N, C-alpha and C. Protein backbone atom coordinates (compact mmCIF):
# COMPACT_ATOMS: atom_id res chain seq x y z
N UNK A 1 0.82 -1.19 0.00
CA UNK A 1 0.00 0.00 0.00
C UNK A 1 0.87 1.25 0.00
N UNK A 2 1.91 1.24 0.81
CA UNK A 2 2.81 2.38 0.90
C UNK A 2 3.48 2.66 -0.44
N UNK A 3 3.89 1.60 -1.13
CA UNK A 3 4.54 1.75 -2.44
C UNK A 3 3.56 2.37 -3.43
N UNK A 4 2.33 1.90 -3.45
CA UNK A 4 1.34 2.41 -4.38
C UNK A 4 1.08 3.90 -4.15
N UNK A 5 1.01 4.31 -2.91
CA UNK A 5 0.78 5.74 -2.60
C UNK A 5 1.93 6.58 -3.14
N UNK A 6 3.15 6.14 -2.92
CA UNK A 6 4.31 6.88 -3.43
C UNK A 6 4.29 6.96 -4.96
N UNK A 7 3.92 5.87 -5.61
CA UNK A 7 3.89 5.85 -7.07
C UNK A 7 2.80 6.77 -7.62
N UNK A 8 1.65 6.80 -6.96
CA UNK A 8 0.58 7.70 -7.39
C UNK A 8 0.99 9.15 -7.20
N UNK A 9 1.60 9.44 -6.07
CA UNK A 9 2.08 10.80 -5.81
C UNK A 9 3.12 11.20 -6.86
N UNK A 10 4.01 10.29 -7.21
CA UNK A 10 5.02 10.57 -8.23
C UNK A 10 4.38 10.86 -9.58
N UNK A 11 3.42 10.05 -9.99
CA UNK A 11 2.75 10.26 -11.27
C UNK A 11 2.04 11.61 -11.31
N UNK A 12 1.34 11.95 -10.25
CA UNK A 12 0.65 13.24 -10.18
C UNK A 12 1.65 14.39 -10.20
N UNK A 13 2.74 14.23 -9.46
CA UNK A 13 3.78 15.26 -9.44
C UNK A 13 4.36 15.49 -10.83
N UNK A 14 4.64 14.42 -11.54
CA UNK A 14 5.23 14.55 -12.89
C UNK A 14 4.26 15.23 -13.85
N UNK A 15 2.99 14.90 -13.75
CA UNK A 15 1.99 15.60 -14.55
C UNK A 15 1.91 17.07 -14.20
N UNK A 16 2.01 17.36 -12.92
CA UNK A 16 1.98 18.75 -12.46
C UNK A 16 3.21 19.52 -12.96
N UNK A 17 4.34 18.84 -13.10
CA UNK A 17 5.54 19.52 -13.60
C UNK A 17 5.36 19.93 -15.06
N UNK A 18 4.63 19.12 -15.83
CA UNK A 18 4.33 19.55 -17.20
C UNK A 18 3.54 20.85 -17.16
N UNK A 19 2.52 20.89 -16.31
CA UNK A 19 1.71 22.10 -16.21
C UNK A 19 2.49 23.29 -15.69
N UNK A 20 3.32 23.07 -14.71
CA UNK A 20 4.06 24.17 -14.08
C UNK A 20 5.13 24.76 -15.01
N UNK A 21 5.82 23.91 -15.75
CA UNK A 21 6.92 24.40 -16.56
C UNK A 21 6.60 24.53 -18.05
N UNK A 22 5.76 23.65 -18.58
CA UNK A 22 5.56 23.61 -20.03
C UNK A 22 4.13 23.87 -20.47
N UNK A 23 3.17 23.60 -19.61
CA UNK A 23 1.78 23.66 -20.01
C UNK A 23 1.24 25.04 -20.32
N UNK A 24 1.90 26.05 -19.86
CA UNK A 24 1.38 27.41 -20.03
C UNK A 24 2.00 28.15 -21.22
N UNK A 25 3.06 27.65 -21.78
CA UNK A 25 3.80 28.37 -22.83
C UNK A 25 3.62 27.65 -24.17
N UNK A 26 2.83 28.24 -25.06
CA UNK A 26 2.59 27.63 -26.36
C UNK A 26 2.95 28.56 -27.51
N UNK A 27 3.66 29.62 -27.20
CA UNK A 27 4.03 30.61 -28.22
C UNK A 27 5.44 30.34 -28.74
N UNK A 28 5.59 30.47 -30.04
CA UNK A 28 6.92 30.37 -30.65
C UNK A 28 7.57 31.75 -30.61
N UNK A 29 8.89 31.78 -30.61
CA UNK A 29 9.63 33.03 -30.55
C UNK A 29 10.78 32.95 -31.54
N UNK A 30 11.37 34.09 -31.84
CA UNK A 30 12.47 34.12 -32.81
C UNK A 30 13.80 34.39 -32.12
N UNK A 31 14.81 33.66 -32.58
CA UNK A 31 16.19 33.88 -32.15
C UNK A 31 17.00 34.03 -33.43
N UNK A 32 17.56 35.19 -33.64
CA UNK A 32 18.34 35.48 -34.85
C UNK A 32 17.54 35.18 -36.12
N UNK A 33 16.26 35.51 -36.08
CA UNK A 33 15.41 35.33 -37.25
C UNK A 33 14.91 33.93 -37.49
N UNK A 34 15.19 33.00 -36.57
CA UNK A 34 14.76 31.61 -36.72
C UNK A 34 13.72 31.30 -35.64
N UNK A 35 12.60 30.71 -36.05
CA UNK A 35 11.55 30.37 -35.10
C UNK A 35 12.04 29.29 -34.14
N UNK A 36 11.77 29.48 -32.85
CA UNK A 36 12.16 28.55 -31.79
C UNK A 36 10.94 28.26 -30.93
N UNK A 37 10.99 27.16 -30.21
CA UNK A 37 9.97 26.95 -29.21
C UNK A 37 9.08 25.76 -29.49
N UNK A 38 8.00 25.69 -28.76
CA UNK A 38 7.43 26.74 -27.94
C UNK A 38 8.08 26.85 -26.56
N UNK A 39 8.95 25.94 -26.20
CA UNK A 39 9.54 26.00 -24.86
C UNK A 39 10.94 26.58 -24.91
N UNK A 40 11.28 27.28 -23.87
CA UNK A 40 12.65 27.79 -23.72
C UNK A 40 13.48 26.71 -23.02
N UNK A 41 14.79 26.72 -23.25
CA UNK A 41 15.63 25.67 -22.64
C UNK A 41 15.47 25.57 -21.12
N UNK A 42 15.38 26.69 -20.43
CA UNK A 42 15.28 26.64 -18.96
C UNK A 42 14.03 25.89 -18.51
N UNK A 43 12.94 26.00 -19.30
CA UNK A 43 11.71 25.31 -18.92
C UNK A 43 11.89 23.79 -18.99
N UNK A 44 12.49 23.33 -20.06
CA UNK A 44 12.68 21.89 -20.26
C UNK A 44 13.68 21.35 -19.23
N UNK A 45 14.75 22.07 -18.99
CA UNK A 45 15.76 21.63 -18.02
C UNK A 45 15.18 21.57 -16.62
N UNK A 46 14.45 22.60 -16.22
CA UNK A 46 13.87 22.63 -14.88
C UNK A 46 12.82 21.53 -14.71
N UNK A 47 12.00 21.33 -15.72
CA UNK A 47 10.98 20.28 -15.66
C UNK A 47 11.63 18.90 -15.54
N UNK A 48 12.62 18.64 -16.39
CA UNK A 48 13.33 17.36 -16.33
C UNK A 48 14.04 17.14 -15.01
N UNK A 49 14.68 18.18 -14.51
CA UNK A 49 15.41 18.07 -13.24
C UNK A 49 14.45 17.77 -12.08
N UNK A 50 13.29 18.41 -12.09
CA UNK A 50 12.31 18.15 -11.03
C UNK A 50 11.82 16.71 -11.07
N UNK A 51 11.58 16.20 -12.26
CA UNK A 51 11.11 14.82 -12.39
C UNK A 51 12.19 13.82 -12.00
N UNK A 52 13.42 14.08 -12.41
CA UNK A 52 14.54 13.21 -12.04
C UNK A 52 14.76 13.23 -10.53
N UNK A 53 14.72 14.41 -9.93
CA UNK A 53 14.90 14.51 -8.48
C UNK A 53 13.79 13.78 -7.73
N UNK A 54 12.55 13.99 -8.14
CA UNK A 54 11.43 13.31 -7.47
C UNK A 54 11.53 11.80 -7.61
N UNK A 55 11.88 11.32 -8.79
CA UNK A 55 12.02 9.88 -9.01
C UNK A 55 13.14 9.30 -8.15
N UNK A 56 14.22 10.04 -8.03
CA UNK A 56 15.35 9.60 -7.20
C UNK A 56 14.94 9.50 -5.74
N UNK A 57 14.23 10.51 -5.26
CA UNK A 57 13.79 10.51 -3.86
C UNK A 57 12.87 9.32 -3.59
N UNK A 58 11.91 9.09 -4.48
CA UNK A 58 10.99 7.96 -4.30
C UNK A 58 11.75 6.64 -4.29
N UNK A 59 12.71 6.49 -5.20
CA UNK A 59 13.50 5.27 -5.27
C UNK A 59 14.30 5.05 -3.98
N UNK A 60 14.90 6.10 -3.46
CA UNK A 60 15.72 5.97 -2.25
C UNK A 60 14.87 5.80 -0.99
N UNK A 61 13.68 6.35 -0.99
CA UNK A 61 12.80 6.19 0.17
C UNK A 61 12.24 4.76 0.22
N UNK A 62 11.82 4.24 -0.92
CA UNK A 62 11.19 2.92 -0.93
C UNK A 62 12.20 1.77 -0.91
N UNK A 63 13.37 1.96 -1.50
CA UNK A 63 14.46 0.98 -1.45
C UNK A 63 14.05 -0.44 -1.82
N UNK A 64 13.45 -0.55 -3.00
CA UNK A 64 13.13 -1.88 -3.54
C UNK A 64 13.71 -1.95 -4.94
N UNK A 65 14.50 -2.96 -5.19
CA UNK A 65 15.22 -3.06 -6.46
C UNK A 65 14.28 -3.15 -7.65
N UNK A 66 13.16 -3.83 -7.53
CA UNK A 66 12.23 -3.97 -8.65
C UNK A 66 11.65 -2.63 -9.08
N UNK A 67 11.68 -1.64 -8.19
CA UNK A 67 11.18 -0.31 -8.55
C UNK A 67 12.12 0.41 -9.52
N UNK A 68 13.28 -0.15 -9.74
CA UNK A 68 14.21 0.41 -10.72
C UNK A 68 13.58 0.48 -12.11
N UNK A 69 12.69 -0.44 -12.42
CA UNK A 69 12.01 -0.43 -13.72
C UNK A 69 10.60 0.14 -13.64
N UNK A 70 10.01 0.18 -12.46
CA UNK A 70 8.63 0.66 -12.31
C UNK A 70 8.59 2.18 -12.20
N UNK A 71 9.46 2.76 -11.41
CA UNK A 71 9.44 4.21 -11.18
C UNK A 71 9.60 4.99 -12.49
N UNK A 72 10.54 4.64 -13.37
CA UNK A 72 10.64 5.39 -14.62
C UNK A 72 9.36 5.34 -15.46
N UNK A 73 8.72 4.18 -15.51
CA UNK A 73 7.49 4.05 -16.29
C UNK A 73 6.39 4.93 -15.69
N UNK A 74 6.25 4.90 -14.38
CA UNK A 74 5.24 5.71 -13.70
C UNK A 74 5.50 7.20 -13.92
N UNK A 75 6.76 7.62 -13.76
CA UNK A 75 7.09 9.03 -13.92
C UNK A 75 6.85 9.51 -15.35
N UNK A 76 7.28 8.74 -16.30
CA UNK A 76 7.14 9.15 -17.70
C UNK A 76 5.67 9.15 -18.13
N UNK A 77 4.91 8.16 -17.71
CA UNK A 77 3.49 8.15 -18.05
C UNK A 77 2.76 9.30 -17.36
N UNK A 78 3.14 9.57 -16.11
CA UNK A 78 2.55 10.71 -15.40
C UNK A 78 2.78 12.02 -16.13
N UNK A 79 3.94 12.17 -16.72
CA UNK A 79 4.25 13.37 -17.52
C UNK A 79 3.59 13.30 -18.89
N UNK A 80 3.59 12.13 -19.50
CA UNK A 80 3.13 11.98 -20.89
C UNK A 80 1.63 12.18 -21.05
N UNK A 81 0.85 11.85 -20.03
CA UNK A 81 -0.60 11.98 -20.16
C UNK A 81 -1.02 13.42 -20.42
N UNK A 82 -0.65 14.39 -19.58
CA UNK A 82 -1.06 15.77 -19.90
C UNK A 82 -0.38 16.30 -21.16
N UNK A 83 0.87 15.89 -21.40
CA UNK A 83 1.55 16.34 -22.62
C UNK A 83 0.82 15.84 -23.85
N UNK A 84 0.43 14.57 -23.86
CA UNK A 84 -0.26 13.99 -25.02
C UNK A 84 -1.63 14.63 -25.21
N UNK A 85 -2.31 14.92 -24.12
CA UNK A 85 -3.61 15.59 -24.23
C UNK A 85 -3.46 16.92 -24.95
N UNK A 86 -2.43 17.69 -24.58
CA UNK A 86 -2.20 18.98 -25.24
C UNK A 86 -1.69 18.78 -26.67
N UNK A 87 -0.72 17.90 -26.85
CA UNK A 87 -0.07 17.73 -28.15
C UNK A 87 -1.00 17.12 -29.19
N UNK A 88 -2.01 16.39 -28.75
CA UNK A 88 -2.91 15.74 -29.70
C UNK A 88 -3.72 16.75 -30.52
N UNK A 89 -3.65 18.01 -30.16
CA UNK A 89 -4.32 19.05 -30.94
C UNK A 89 -3.57 19.36 -32.24
N UNK A 90 -2.37 18.83 -32.36
CA UNK A 90 -1.56 19.02 -33.57
C UNK A 90 -2.21 18.28 -34.74
N UNK A 91 -2.44 18.98 -35.83
CA UNK A 91 -3.14 18.38 -36.97
C UNK A 91 -2.23 17.57 -37.89
N UNK A 92 -0.90 17.65 -37.70
CA UNK A 92 0.01 16.92 -38.57
C UNK A 92 0.14 15.45 -38.17
N UNK A 93 -0.20 15.13 -36.94
CA UNK A 93 -0.05 13.76 -36.46
C UNK A 93 1.34 13.45 -35.93
N UNK A 94 2.24 14.42 -35.99
CA UNK A 94 3.61 14.19 -35.52
C UNK A 94 3.69 14.06 -33.99
N UNK A 95 2.63 14.44 -33.31
CA UNK A 95 2.66 14.31 -31.86
C UNK A 95 2.78 12.85 -31.45
N UNK A 96 2.30 11.93 -32.28
CA UNK A 96 2.45 10.51 -31.95
C UNK A 96 3.91 10.08 -31.96
N UNK A 97 4.68 10.61 -32.90
CA UNK A 97 6.12 10.33 -32.91
C UNK A 97 6.77 10.92 -31.66
N UNK A 98 6.37 12.14 -31.31
CA UNK A 98 6.89 12.77 -30.10
C UNK A 98 6.56 11.98 -28.86
N UNK A 99 5.34 11.45 -28.80
CA UNK A 99 4.93 10.63 -27.66
C UNK A 99 5.78 9.36 -27.58
N UNK A 100 6.01 8.73 -28.73
CA UNK A 100 6.85 7.53 -28.76
C UNK A 100 8.25 7.84 -28.22
N UNK A 101 8.85 8.92 -28.74
CA UNK A 101 10.20 9.29 -28.28
C UNK A 101 10.22 9.66 -26.81
N UNK A 102 9.18 10.33 -26.35
CA UNK A 102 9.07 10.68 -24.94
C UNK A 102 9.01 9.43 -24.07
N UNK A 103 8.17 8.49 -24.45
CA UNK A 103 8.00 7.27 -23.65
C UNK A 103 9.27 6.43 -23.63
N UNK A 104 9.84 6.19 -24.81
CA UNK A 104 11.03 5.34 -24.89
C UNK A 104 12.26 6.05 -24.30
N UNK A 105 12.50 7.27 -24.75
CA UNK A 105 13.68 8.00 -24.28
C UNK A 105 13.62 8.35 -22.81
N UNK A 106 12.46 8.81 -22.35
CA UNK A 106 12.32 9.17 -20.94
C UNK A 106 12.47 7.98 -20.03
N UNK A 107 11.84 6.87 -20.39
CA UNK A 107 11.94 5.67 -19.56
C UNK A 107 13.36 5.12 -19.56
N UNK A 108 14.00 5.08 -20.71
CA UNK A 108 15.37 4.57 -20.80
C UNK A 108 16.33 5.45 -19.99
N UNK A 109 16.23 6.74 -20.19
CA UNK A 109 17.13 7.66 -19.48
C UNK A 109 16.94 7.62 -17.98
N UNK A 110 15.70 7.60 -17.53
CA UNK A 110 15.43 7.58 -16.09
C UNK A 110 15.83 6.24 -15.48
N UNK A 111 15.65 5.15 -16.21
CA UNK A 111 16.10 3.85 -15.72
C UNK A 111 17.62 3.83 -15.57
N UNK A 112 18.32 4.35 -16.56
CA UNK A 112 19.78 4.42 -16.47
C UNK A 112 20.23 5.26 -15.28
N UNK A 113 19.57 6.39 -15.07
CA UNK A 113 19.92 7.26 -13.94
C UNK A 113 19.70 6.53 -12.61
N UNK A 114 18.54 5.89 -12.47
CA UNK A 114 18.25 5.20 -11.21
C UNK A 114 19.19 4.01 -11.00
N UNK A 115 19.65 3.39 -12.08
CA UNK A 115 20.65 2.31 -11.94
C UNK A 115 21.95 2.88 -11.39
N UNK A 116 22.34 4.06 -11.85
CA UNK A 116 23.54 4.71 -11.31
C UNK A 116 23.34 5.08 -9.84
N UNK A 117 22.17 5.57 -9.50
CA UNK A 117 21.86 5.91 -8.10
C UNK A 117 21.94 4.65 -7.24
N UNK A 118 21.37 3.56 -7.73
CA UNK A 118 21.42 2.30 -7.00
C UNK A 118 22.86 1.86 -6.77
N UNK A 119 23.68 1.92 -7.83
CA UNK A 119 25.08 1.53 -7.70
C UNK A 119 25.84 2.39 -6.71
N UNK A 120 25.62 3.70 -6.78
CA UNK A 120 26.29 4.62 -5.85
C UNK A 120 25.83 4.36 -4.42
N UNK A 121 24.54 4.14 -4.24
CA UNK A 121 24.01 3.86 -2.91
C UNK A 121 24.59 2.57 -2.35
N UNK A 122 24.68 1.55 -3.19
CA UNK A 122 25.25 0.28 -2.74
C UNK A 122 26.73 0.44 -2.37
N UNK A 123 27.45 1.23 -3.15
CA UNK A 123 28.88 1.44 -2.85
C UNK A 123 29.05 2.15 -1.51
N UNK A 124 28.25 3.18 -1.28
CA UNK A 124 28.33 3.91 -0.01
C UNK A 124 27.98 3.00 1.15
N UNK A 125 26.94 2.20 0.98
CA UNK A 125 26.53 1.29 2.05
C UNK A 125 27.59 0.22 2.31
N UNK A 126 28.26 -0.24 1.26
CA UNK A 126 29.32 -1.24 1.44
C UNK A 126 30.47 -0.67 2.26
N UNK A 127 30.82 0.56 1.98
CA UNK A 127 31.90 1.21 2.74
C UNK A 127 31.49 1.36 4.21
N UNK A 128 30.25 1.76 4.42
CA UNK A 128 29.76 1.92 5.80
C UNK A 128 29.71 0.57 6.52
N UNK A 129 29.30 -0.50 5.81
CA UNK A 129 29.24 -1.82 6.43
C UNK A 129 30.64 -2.29 6.83
N UNK A 130 31.60 -2.03 5.95
CA UNK A 130 32.98 -2.42 6.29
C UNK A 130 33.46 -1.69 7.53
N UNK A 131 33.09 -0.42 7.64
CA UNK A 131 33.49 0.35 8.82
C UNK A 131 32.84 -0.18 10.09
N UNK A 132 31.55 -0.54 10.00
CA UNK A 132 30.85 -1.09 11.18
C UNK A 132 31.33 -2.49 11.50
N UNK A 133 31.63 -3.28 10.44
CA UNK A 133 32.09 -4.65 10.67
C UNK A 133 33.42 -4.65 11.40
N UNK A 134 34.25 -3.67 11.12
CA UNK A 134 35.54 -3.61 11.81
C UNK A 134 35.36 -3.22 13.27
N UNK A 135 34.21 -2.59 13.58
CA UNK A 135 33.90 -2.24 14.97
C UNK A 135 33.16 -3.36 15.69
N UNK A 136 32.86 -4.44 14.98
CA UNK A 136 32.17 -5.57 15.57
C UNK A 136 30.66 -5.50 15.45
N UNK A 137 30.13 -4.50 14.77
CA UNK A 137 28.68 -4.38 14.59
C UNK A 137 28.22 -5.24 13.42
N UNK A 138 26.97 -5.67 13.45
CA UNK A 138 26.42 -6.50 12.37
C UNK A 138 25.89 -5.61 11.26
N UNK A 139 26.25 -5.92 10.00
CA UNK A 139 25.81 -5.14 8.85
C UNK A 139 24.54 -5.76 8.28
N UNK A 140 23.63 -4.89 7.82
CA UNK A 140 22.39 -5.38 7.19
C UNK A 140 22.25 -4.77 5.80
N UNK A 141 21.48 -5.45 4.96
CA UNK A 141 21.26 -4.99 3.59
C UNK A 141 19.80 -4.55 3.44
N UNK A 142 19.53 -3.23 3.33
CA UNK A 142 18.15 -2.77 3.24
C UNK A 142 17.49 -3.09 1.91
N UNK A 143 18.25 -3.48 0.89
CA UNK A 143 17.67 -3.77 -0.43
C UNK A 143 17.21 -5.21 -0.56
N UNK A 144 17.70 -6.06 0.30
CA UNK A 144 17.47 -7.46 0.06
C UNK A 144 16.40 -8.06 0.85
């Protein structure tokens, strides 16, 4: 039950990040005479960073290895639902390609990031266990 609540909160948060950073800006702008947009780089970077940070926190709080593949899917779908709702207004049909790239690329990238987080966390915990073991304390594995 606790895991499900965290996953629902994560999905809602990721959808809210689309609204907070990207959902309000639909205007194109010019840079050196070339049309850009509709999003500015800071919007995309901040939105992505918020989603990565939230996913990392959820992963480290729940500490279950199988969530390494579940959290990215939940986060990306949570973001993709409001994005797809807005993007589906595009009459060219290219939003479907964008949705595909968002789902595949976002899930792959977030899974890779969480794998690195898992590895770093395990390395830190191993060092701490060695330190406690030398003091005669019993080491435990919170992931297993």
